[in-house]
């Protein structure tokens, strides 16, 4: 049986902030900067869906100016809070049964395939 806690934080990074994980039409999806956990997702905060148009409503500092890059924030983290696993083997006469279980808990998932297949190009 295994169990592991995952905690991380960028302590020092040359050059300041790095953005990566470019998704066509939406920009970068990950951020690395001091004081933030490695594997953090970067994007706009969704507030809901406009029932008339079906468009996503995003949190904006200035709705008059529209959606700005400055409205982006850390919206999740791909690193699981903990991982676990278990393996065992049972034998009786000529019968053998073995199994392996593995899992993670507490991570966020960025579904880029859904962005492409459902046409969610514009933030």
Protein backbone atom coordinates (compact mmCIF):
# COMPACT_ATOMS: atom_id res chain seq x y z
CA UNK A 1 0.00 0.00 0.00
CA UNK A 2 1.30 3.46 -0.87
CA UNK A 3 0.21 6.98 0.00
CA UNK A 4 1.88 10.25 -0.89
CA UNK A 5 1.10 13.90 -0.19
CA UNK A 6 2.01 16.40 -2.89
CA UNK A 7 2.86 19.99 -1.97
CA UNK A 8 4.93 22.40 -4.00
CA UNK A 9 5.62 26.10 -4.41
CA UNK A 10 8.00 27.92 -6.75
CA UNK A 11 10.59 29.60 -4.53
CA UNK A 12 12.82 31.23 -7.12
CA UNK A 13 12.50 31.62 -10.87
CA UNK A 14 14.83 33.57 -13.16
CA UNK A 15 13.08 36.12 -15.30
CA UNK A 16 9.89 36.48 -13.27
CA UNK A 17 6.76 34.80 -14.60
CA UNK A 18 6.50 32.09 -17.28
CA UNK A 19 3.34 31.23 -19.20
CA UNK A 20 2.97 27.99 -21.16
CA UNK A 21 0.42 25.49 -22.42
CA UNK A 22 -0.79 27.47 -25.43
CA UNK A 23 -4.27 26.48 -26.57
CA UNK A 24 -5.06 27.76 -30.07
CA UNK A 25 -7.33 30.79 -29.89
CA UNK A 26 -7.23 31.02 -26.08
CA UNK A 27 -3.61 31.76 -25.19
CA UNK A 28 -1.53 30.18 -22.45
CA UNK A 29 -3.17 27.91 -19.89
CA UNK A 30 -0.44 27.48 -17.24
CA UNK A 31 1.66 29.86 -15.16
CA UNK A 32 4.89 29.50 -13.19
CA UNK A 33 5.88 32.31 -10.82
CA UNK A 34 7.35 32.71 -7.36
CA UNK A 35 4.99 31.87 -4.52
CA UNK A 36 2.60 29.86 -6.72
CA UNK A 37 2.35 26.07 -6.99
CA UNK A 38 3.91 24.54 -10.10
CA UNK A 39 1.20 23.21 -12.43
CA UNK A 40 -1.22 26.09 -11.80
CA UNK A 41 -3.85 26.82 -14.46
CA UNK A 42 -4.16 30.40 -15.71
CA UNK A 43 -7.34 31.78 -17.24
CA UNK A 44 -10.52 33.77 -16.89
CA UNK A 45 -12.93 33.13 -14.01
CA UNK A 46 -16.32 31.99 -15.30
CA UNK A 47 -19.35 33.41 -13.47
CA UNK A 48 -22.03 31.54 -15.39
CA UNK A 49 -23.80 31.29 -18.75
CA UNK A 50 -25.98 33.90 -20.41
CA UNK A 51 -29.34 32.09 -20.77
CA UNK A 52 -30.30 34.11 -23.86
CA UNK A 53 -27.15 33.54 -25.92
CA UNK A 54 -25.50 30.53 -24.30
CA UNK A 55 -22.25 32.51 -24.03
CA UNK A 56 -20.04 32.21 -20.97
CA UNK A 57 -20.04 35.19 -18.59
CA UNK A 58 -16.60 36.01 -17.21
CA UNK A 59 -15.55 38.01 -14.15
CA UNK A 60 -14.20 41.40 -15.29
CA UNK A 61 -12.64 44.25 -13.33
CA UNK A 62 -14.19 46.76 -15.76
CA UNK A 63 -17.19 45.42 -17.73
CA UNK A 64 -17.23 48.61 -19.83
CA UNK A 65 -13.72 47.82 -21.15
CA UNK A 66 -14.58 44.18 -21.82
CA UNK A 67 -12.42 41.17 -21.13
CA UNK A 68 -8.77 42.12 -20.57
CA UNK A 69 -5.61 40.07 -20.00
CA UNK A 70 -5.47 41.66 -16.54
CA UNK A 71 -8.74 39.81 -15.71
CA UNK A 72 -6.91 36.46 -15.87
CA UNK A 73 -6.17 34.66 -12.60
CA UNK A 74 -5.03 31.32 -11.23
CA UNK A 75 -8.06 29.05 -11.66
CA UNK A 76 -6.78 25.64 -10.58
CA UNK A 77 -3.85 23.26 -10.23
CA UNK A 78 -3.06 20.02 -12.05
CA UNK A 79 -0.98 18.59 -9.20
CA UNK A 80 -3.00 16.17 -7.04
CA UNK A 81 -3.18 16.83 -3.30
CA UNK A 82 -2.38 13.16 -2.69
CA UNK A 83 -1.92 9.87 -4.51
CA UNK A 84 -2.49 6.32 -3.35
CA UNK A 85 -2.10 2.77 -4.52
CA UNK A 86 -2.44 -0.83 -3.45
CA UNK A 87 -1.45 -4.17 -4.92
CA UNK A 88 -2.00 -7.70 -3.71
CA UNK A 89 -1.75 -11.28 -4.90
CA UNK A 90 -3.85 -14.24 -3.75
CA UNK A 91 -3.09 -17.87 -4.61
CA UNK A 92 -5.02 -21.04 -3.86
CA UNK A 93 -4.02 -24.33 -5.48
CA UNK A 94 -3.91 -23.62 -9.25
CA UNK A 95 -5.80 -20.35 -8.98
CA UNK A 96 -4.02 -17.00 -8.82
CA UNK A 97 -5.68 -13.60 -8.41
CA UNK A 98 -3.75 -10.33 -8.37
CA UNK A 99 -4.88 -6.74 -8.51
CA UNK A 100 -3.47 -3.23 -8.58
CA UNK A 101 -5.36 -0.08 -7.62
CA UNK A 102 -4.02 3.43 -8.11
CA UNK A 103 -5.58 6.87 -7.80
CA UNK A 104 -5.12 10.56 -7.18
CA UNK A 105 -7.29 13.09 -5.39
CA UNK A 106 -7.59 16.87 -5.36
CA UNK A 107 -6.29 17.82 -8.80
CA UNK A 108 -8.00 19.99 -11.41
CA UNK A 109 -8.22 18.99 -15.07
CA UNK A 110 -8.07 21.29 -18.08
CA UNK A 111 -10.10 19.63 -20.83
CA UNK A 112 -8.50 21.08 -23.98
CA UNK A 113 -10.22 18.44 -26.14
CA UNK A 114 -13.59 19.87 -25.08
CA UNK A 115 -12.42 23.38 -26.02
CA UNK A 116 -11.60 22.13 -29.54
CA UNK A 117 -14.60 19.85 -30.10
CA UNK A 118 -17.26 22.20 -28.69
CA UNK A 119 -15.92 25.32 -30.40
CA UNK A 120 -15.11 27.16 -27.16
CA UNK A 121 -12.45 29.30 -28.86
CA UNK A 122 -13.20 32.80 -27.65
CA UNK A 123 -12.90 33.44 -23.92
